[in-house]
């Protein structure tokens, strides 16, 4: 069992920055990758970014490339999402997700943290 706790959301203005954190606890000894997803009101959940736990390879949605940076701190089982140049369309609930080597996809999810960007 893995538990994920997100933090760092809030209300900011367009152009501002925020950093989200997600701490994993429990059975975290075989993490394959962690990622961030988001869900805006009335829309489906969408992929934002992911990072491989070994090697640190990253990938991003086109909509956030060049503005968002995902990073990890393996010793703390924590993943971060640095969000710069925020836009109103980035407003959403942001979810952290984790996949272990025993999973076939992201199997553990956090409860989400709200990010609101005003124009």
N, C-alpha and C. Protein backbone atom coordinates (compact mmCIF):
# COMPACT_ATOMS: atom_id res chain seq x y z
N UNK A 1 0.85 -1.20 0.00
CA UNK A 1 0.00 0.00 0.00
C UNK A 1 0.88 1.24 0.00
N UNK A 2 0.56 2.19 -0.87
CA UNK A 2 1.29 3.44 -0.97
C UNK A 2 0.34 4.59 -0.70
N UNK A 3 0.81 5.54 0.08
CA UNK A 3 0.03 6.75 0.33
C UNK A 3 0.76 7.93 -0.29
N UNK A 4 0.00 8.81 -0.92
CA UNK A 4 0.54 10.00 -1.55
C UNK A 4 -0.15 11.23 -0.98
N UNK A 5 0.64 12.21 -0.58
CA UNK A 5 0.09 13.45 -0.02
C UNK A 5 0.66 14.62 -0.79
N UNK A 6 -0.23 15.36 -1.45
CA UNK A 6 0.19 16.55 -2.20
C UNK A 6 0.09 17.79 -1.34
N UNK A 7 0.89 18.79 -1.70
CA UNK A 7 0.81 20.09 -1.04
C UNK A 7 1.32 21.14 -2.00
N UNK A 8 1.03 22.40 -1.70
CA UNK A 8 1.59 23.50 -2.46
C UNK A 8 0.63 24.23 -3.38
N UNK A 9 -0.60 23.77 -3.48
CA UNK A 9 -1.55 24.44 -4.34
C UNK A 9 -1.96 25.79 -3.76
N UNK A 10 -2.70 26.56 -4.56
CA UNK A 10 -3.17 27.84 -4.07
C UNK A 10 -3.74 28.70 -5.17
N UNK A 11 -3.99 29.95 -4.82
CA UNK A 11 -4.54 30.94 -5.76
C UNK A 11 -3.43 31.92 -6.12
N UNK A 12 -3.14 32.03 -7.41
CA UNK A 12 -2.11 32.93 -7.88
C UNK A 12 -2.62 33.70 -9.10
N UNK A 13 -1.86 34.69 -9.50
CA UNK A 13 -2.20 35.45 -10.69
C UNK A 13 -1.45 34.91 -11.90
N UNK A 14 -1.98 35.20 -13.07
CA UNK A 14 -1.32 34.78 -14.30
C UNK A 14 0.11 35.31 -14.32
N UNK A 15 1.03 34.44 -14.71
CA UNK A 15 2.44 34.79 -14.75
C UNK A 15 3.21 34.41 -13.51
N UNK A 16 2.50 34.08 -12.44
CA UNK A 16 3.16 33.69 -11.18
C UNK A 16 3.66 32.25 -11.25
N UNK A 17 4.31 31.85 -10.18
CA UNK A 17 4.85 30.49 -10.07
C UNK A 17 4.30 29.80 -8.82
N UNK A 18 4.28 28.48 -8.87
CA UNK A 18 3.93 27.66 -7.72
C UNK A 18 4.76 26.40 -7.79
N UNK A 19 5.04 25.80 -6.63
CA UNK A 19 5.69 24.50 -6.60
C UNK A 19 4.83 23.54 -5.81
N UNK A 20 4.45 22.46 -6.48
CA UNK A 20 3.71 21.39 -5.82
C UNK A 20 4.68 20.31 -5.34
N UNK A 21 4.31 19.71 -4.22
CA UNK A 21 5.09 18.60 -3.69
C UNK A 21 4.18 17.40 -3.49
N UNK A 22 4.76 16.22 -3.59
CA UNK A 22 4.02 14.99 -3.34
C UNK A 22 4.94 14.02 -2.62
N UNK A 23 4.57 13.68 -1.41
CA UNK A 23 5.37 12.75 -0.62
C UNK A 23 4.71 11.38 -0.60
N UNK A 24 5.50 10.37 -0.91
CA UNK A 24 5.01 9.00 -0.92
C UNK A 24 5.47 8.29 0.35
N UNK A 25 4.58 7.47 0.90
CA UNK A 25 4.92 6.67 2.07
C UNK A 25 4.30 5.29 1.92
N UNK A 26 4.76 4.38 2.76
CA UNK A 26 4.27 3.01 2.68
C UNK A 26 5.24 2.14 1.88
N UNK A 27 4.71 1.32 0.98
CA UNK A 27 5.54 0.39 0.21
C UNK A 27 6.15 1.10 -0.99
N UNK A 28 7.19 1.87 -0.71
CA UNK A 28 7.80 2.70 -1.75
C UNK A 28 9.15 2.19 -2.22
N UNK A 29 9.45 0.93 -1.95
CA UNK A 29 10.79 0.43 -2.24
C UNK A 29 11.00 0.08 -3.71
N UNK A 30 9.94 0.06 -4.51
CA UNK A 30 10.09 -0.34 -5.91
C UNK A 30 9.36 0.60 -6.84
N UNK A 31 9.57 1.89 -6.64
CA UNK A 31 8.93 2.90 -7.48
C UNK A 31 9.52 2.85 -8.88
N UNK A 32 8.67 2.81 -9.87
CA UNK A 32 9.10 2.86 -11.26
C UNK A 32 9.05 4.31 -11.78
N UNK A 33 7.94 4.98 -11.54
CA UNK A 33 7.80 6.34 -11.97
C UNK A 33 6.75 7.05 -11.12
N UNK A 34 6.83 8.36 -11.09
CA UNK A 34 5.81 9.20 -10.47
C UNK A 34 5.41 10.27 -11.45
N UNK A 35 4.21 10.77 -11.30
CA UNK A 35 3.72 11.75 -12.26
C UNK A 35 2.71 12.70 -11.66
N UNK A 36 2.39 13.69 -12.46
CA UNK A 36 1.35 14.66 -12.12
C UNK A 36 0.29 14.67 -13.21
N UNK A 37 -0.95 14.70 -12.78
CA UNK A 37 -2.09 14.82 -13.66
C UNK A 37 -2.92 16.00 -13.16
N UNK A 38 -3.85 16.46 -13.98
CA UNK A 38 -4.73 17.54 -13.53
C UNK A 38 -6.12 17.36 -14.14
N UNK A 39 -7.09 17.90 -13.42
CA UNK A 39 -8.47 17.84 -13.89
C UNK A 39 -9.12 19.18 -13.67
N UNK A 40 -9.50 19.81 -14.76
CA UNK A 40 -10.21 21.09 -14.70
C UNK A 40 -11.70 20.82 -14.63
N UNK A 41 -12.48 21.77 -14.13
CA UNK A 41 -13.93 21.58 -14.03
C UNK A 41 -14.54 21.22 -15.39
N UNK A 42 -15.32 20.17 -15.40
CA UNK A 42 -16.00 19.76 -16.62
C UNK A 42 -15.14 19.05 -17.64
N UNK A 43 -13.89 18.79 -17.28
CA UNK A 43 -12.98 18.13 -18.22
C UNK A 43 -12.46 16.83 -17.62
N UNK A 44 -11.90 15.99 -18.49
CA UNK A 44 -11.33 14.75 -18.03
C UNK A 44 -9.94 14.99 -17.44
N UNK A 45 -9.51 14.07 -16.61
CA UNK A 45 -8.17 14.16 -16.05
C UNK A 45 -7.15 14.01 -17.18
N UNK A 46 -6.11 14.83 -17.14
CA UNK A 46 -5.10 14.79 -18.20
C UNK A 46 -3.70 14.71 -17.62
N UNK A 47 -2.84 14.08 -18.38
CA UNK A 47 -1.44 13.94 -18.01
C UNK A 47 -0.74 15.30 -18.06
N UNK A 48 0.14 15.54 -17.08
CA UNK A 48 0.93 16.77 -17.05
C UNK A 48 2.42 16.46 -17.22
N UNK A 49 2.95 15.61 -16.37
CA UNK A 49 4.38 15.31 -16.41
C UNK A 49 4.66 14.03 -15.65
N UNK A 50 5.78 13.38 -15.97
CA UNK A 50 6.19 12.20 -15.24
C UNK A 50 7.70 12.13 -15.16
N UNK A 51 8.20 11.35 -14.20
CA UNK A 51 9.64 11.19 -14.04
C UNK A 51 9.92 9.75 -13.64
N UNK A 52 10.88 9.13 -14.29
CA UNK A 52 11.30 7.79 -13.94
C UNK A 52 12.15 7.87 -12.66
N UNK A 53 11.89 6.95 -11.74
CA UNK A 53 12.56 7.05 -10.45
C UNK A 53 14.05 6.73 -10.56
N UNK A 54 14.40 5.82 -11.44
CA UNK A 54 15.80 5.52 -11.70
C UNK A 54 16.22 6.20 -13.00
N UNK A 55 17.19 7.07 -12.91
CA UNK A 55 17.65 7.77 -14.10
C UNK A 55 17.07 9.16 -14.26
N UNK A 56 15.84 9.34 -13.78
CA UNK A 56 15.24 10.67 -13.81
C UNK A 56 14.73 11.15 -15.15
N UNK A 57 14.51 10.25 -16.09
CA UNK A 57 13.96 10.66 -17.39
C UNK A 57 12.59 11.29 -17.19
N UNK A 58 12.37 12.42 -17.85
CA UNK A 58 11.12 13.15 -17.71
C UNK A 58 10.38 13.25 -19.04
N UNK A 59 9.09 13.46 -18.94
CA UNK A 59 8.27 13.77 -20.10
C UNK A 59 7.14 14.70 -19.67
N UNK A 60 6.66 15.49 -20.63
CA UNK A 60 5.68 16.53 -20.34
C UNK A 60 4.58 16.57 -21.39
N UNK A 61 3.43 17.05 -20.96
CA UNK A 61 2.38 17.39 -21.91
C UNK A 61 2.83 18.61 -22.69
N UNK A 62 2.42 18.70 -23.95
CA UNK A 62 2.82 19.83 -24.79
C UNK A 62 2.38 21.15 -24.19
N UNK A 63 1.25 21.15 -23.50
CA UNK A 63 0.69 22.38 -22.96
C UNK A 63 1.53 22.99 -21.84
N UNK A 64 2.43 22.20 -21.25
CA UNK A 64 3.22 22.72 -20.13
C UNK A 64 4.71 22.72 -20.41
N UNK A 65 5.13 22.20 -21.55
CA UNK A 65 6.56 22.15 -21.88
C UNK A 65 7.15 23.55 -21.86
N UNK A 66 8.32 23.66 -21.22
CA UNK A 66 8.99 24.95 -21.14
C UNK A 66 8.53 25.80 -19.98
N UNK A 67 7.43 25.44 -19.35
CA UNK A 67 6.92 26.21 -18.20
C UNK A 67 6.97 25.41 -16.90
N UNK A 68 6.72 24.11 -16.99
CA UNK A 68 6.69 23.24 -15.80
C UNK A 68 7.92 22.35 -15.78
N UNK A 69 8.40 22.05 -14.59
CA UNK A 69 9.53 21.15 -14.41
C UNK A 69 9.22 20.17 -13.30
N UNK A 70 9.33 18.88 -13.62
CA UNK A 70 9.14 17.84 -12.62
C UNK A 70 10.52 17.39 -12.14
N UNK A 71 10.62 17.14 -10.84
CA UNK A 71 11.88 16.67 -10.27
C UNK A 71 11.56 15.74 -9.11
N UNK A 72 12.57 15.06 -8.63
CA UNK A 72 12.36 14.10 -7.55
C UNK A 72 13.47 14.20 -6.53
N UNK A 73 13.16 13.75 -5.34
CA UNK A 73 14.15 13.64 -4.27
C UNK A 73 14.00 12.23 -3.72
N UNK A 74 14.81 11.33 -4.25
CA UNK A 74 14.63 9.91 -3.97
C UNK A 74 14.70 9.60 -2.47
N UNK A 75 15.61 10.25 -1.76
CA UNK A 75 15.78 9.94 -0.34
C UNK A 75 14.53 10.27 0.47
N UNK A 76 13.73 11.20 -0.04
CA UNK A 76 12.51 11.59 0.67
C UNK A 76 11.26 11.03 -0.01
N UNK A 77 11.45 10.21 -1.06
CA UNK A 77 10.30 9.68 -1.82
C UNK A 77 9.33 10.79 -2.18
N UNK A 78 9.88 11.89 -2.65
CA UNK A 78 9.08 13.07 -2.94
C UNK A 78 9.31 13.51 -4.38
N UNK A 79 8.22 13.91 -5.02
CA UNK A 79 8.29 14.46 -6.36
C UNK A 79 7.74 15.89 -6.31
N UNK A 80 8.30 16.74 -7.15
CA UNK A 80 7.92 18.14 -7.18
C UNK A 80 7.46 18.52 -8.58
N UNK A 81 6.62 19.54 -8.64
CA UNK A 81 6.25 20.13 -9.92
C UNK A 81 6.40 21.63 -9.78
N UNK A 82 7.44 22.16 -10.40
CA UNK A 82 7.65 23.60 -10.43
C UNK A 82 6.89 24.15 -11.61
N UNK A 83 5.96 25.06 -11.33
CA UNK A 83 5.09 25.61 -12.36
C UNK A 83 5.37 27.10 -12.49
N UNK A 84 5.89 27.50 -13.64
CA UNK A 84 6.20 28.91 -13.91
C UNK A 84 5.29 29.44 -15.00
N UNK A 85 5.22 30.75 -15.09
CA UNK A 85 4.42 31.40 -16.13
C UNK A 85 3.02 30.82 -16.18
N UNK A 86 2.39 30.72 -15.04
CA UNK A 86 1.08 30.09 -14.97
C UNK A 86 0.04 30.88 -15.74
N UNK A 87 -0.88 30.13 -16.33
CA UNK A 87 -1.96 30.71 -17.14
C UNK A 87 -3.30 30.33 -16.52
N UNK A 88 -4.34 31.11 -16.79
CA UNK A 88 -5.67 30.74 -16.27
C UNK A 88 -6.08 29.32 -16.68
N UNK A 89 -5.67 28.87 -17.84
CA UNK A 89 -6.03 27.52 -18.29
C UNK A 89 -5.29 26.42 -17.53
N UNK A 90 -4.35 26.79 -16.67
CA UNK A 90 -3.71 25.81 -15.81
C UNK A 90 -4.54 25.53 -14.55
N UNK A 91 -5.61 26.28 -14.37
CA UNK A 91 -6.47 26.07 -13.22
C UNK A 91 -7.06 24.67 -13.23
N UNK A 92 -6.85 23.94 -12.15
CA UNK A 92 -7.31 22.55 -12.07
C UNK A 92 -6.97 22.00 -10.69
N UNK A 93 -7.49 20.82 -10.42
CA UNK A 93 -7.01 20.04 -9.29
C UNK A 93 -5.86 19.18 -9.81
N UNK A 94 -4.74 19.27 -9.14
CA UNK A 94 -3.54 18.54 -9.55
C UNK A 94 -3.38 17.30 -8.68
N UNK A 95 -3.18 16.17 -9.33
CA UNK A 95 -3.05 14.89 -8.65
C UNK A 95 -1.66 14.31 -8.87
N UNK A 96 -1.11 13.76 -7.82
CA UNK A 96 0.13 13.02 -7.89
C UNK A 96 -0.20 11.54 -8.09
N UNK A 97 0.63 10.85 -8.85
CA UNK A 97 0.40 9.42 -9.09
C UNK A 97 1.72 8.67 -9.06
N UNK A 98 1.63 7.39 -8.73
CA UNK A 98 2.82 6.56 -8.60
C UNK A 98 2.59 5.19 -9.22
N UNK A 99 3.61 4.69 -9.88
CA UNK A 99 3.57 3.34 -10.44
C UNK A 99 4.79 2.58 -9.92
N UNK A 100 4.58 1.39 -9.43
CA UNK A 100 5.69 0.54 -9.03
C UNK A 100 6.01 -0.46 -10.14
N UNK A 101 7.10 -1.20 -9.98
CA UNK A 101 7.47 -2.20 -10.97
C UNK A 101 6.47 -3.36 -11.00
N UNK A 102 5.60 -3.44 -10.01
CA UNK A 102 4.58 -4.48 -9.97
C UNK A 102 3.29 -4.06 -10.65
N UNK A 103 3.19 -2.78 -10.95
CA UNK A 103 1.98 -2.25 -11.59
C UNK A 103 2.14 -2.22 -13.10
N UNK A 104 1.02 -2.08 -13.80
CA UNK A 104 1.05 -1.94 -15.25
C UNK A 104 0.77 -0.51 -15.67
N UNK A 105 0.43 0.33 -14.71
CA UNK A 105 0.17 1.75 -14.97
C UNK A 105 0.19 2.47 -13.63
N UNK A 106 -0.08 3.77 -13.64
CA UNK A 106 -0.16 4.50 -12.39
C UNK A 106 -1.28 3.88 -11.54
N UNK A 107 -0.92 3.41 -10.36
CA UNK A 107 -1.88 2.67 -9.55
C UNK A 107 -2.22 3.35 -8.23
N UNK A 108 -1.39 4.27 -7.78
CA UNK A 108 -1.64 4.96 -6.52
C UNK A 108 -1.81 6.45 -6.83
N UNK A 109 -2.80 7.05 -6.18
CA UNK A 109 -3.13 8.44 -6.46
C UNK A 109 -3.29 9.21 -5.16
N UNK A 110 -2.90 10.49 -5.22
CA UNK A 110 -3.14 11.37 -4.10
C UNK A 110 -4.55 11.93 -4.17
N UNK A 111 -4.90 12.73 -3.17
CA UNK A 111 -6.25 13.28 -3.10
C UNK A 111 -6.39 14.57 -3.91
N UNK A 112 -5.27 15.15 -4.33
CA UNK A 112 -5.33 16.33 -5.17
C UNK A 112 -5.13 17.62 -4.42
N UNK A 113 -4.62 18.60 -5.13
CA UNK A 113 -4.44 19.94 -4.57
C UNK A 113 -4.90 20.95 -5.62
N UNK A 114 -5.67 21.94 -5.17
CA UNK A 114 -6.27 22.90 -6.09
C UNK A 114 -5.26 23.98 -6.47
N UNK A 115 -5.18 24.23 -7.76
CA UNK A 115 -4.40 25.35 -8.29
C UNK A 115 -5.36 26.24 -9.06
N UNK A 116 -5.43 27.49 -8.67
CA UNK A 116 -6.30 28.45 -9.34
C UNK A 116 -5.46 29.63 -9.81
N UNK A 117 -5.55 29.92 -11.11
CA UNK A 117 -4.78 31.02 -11.70
C UNK A 117 -5.77 32.07 -12.20
N UNK A 118 -5.70 33.24 -11.63
CA UNK A 118 -6.60 34.31 -12.03
C UNK A 118 -5.94 35.16 -13.12
N UNK A 119 -6.78 35.72 -13.97
CA UNK A 119 -6.26 36.53 -15.09
C UNK A 119 -6.10 37.98 -14.69
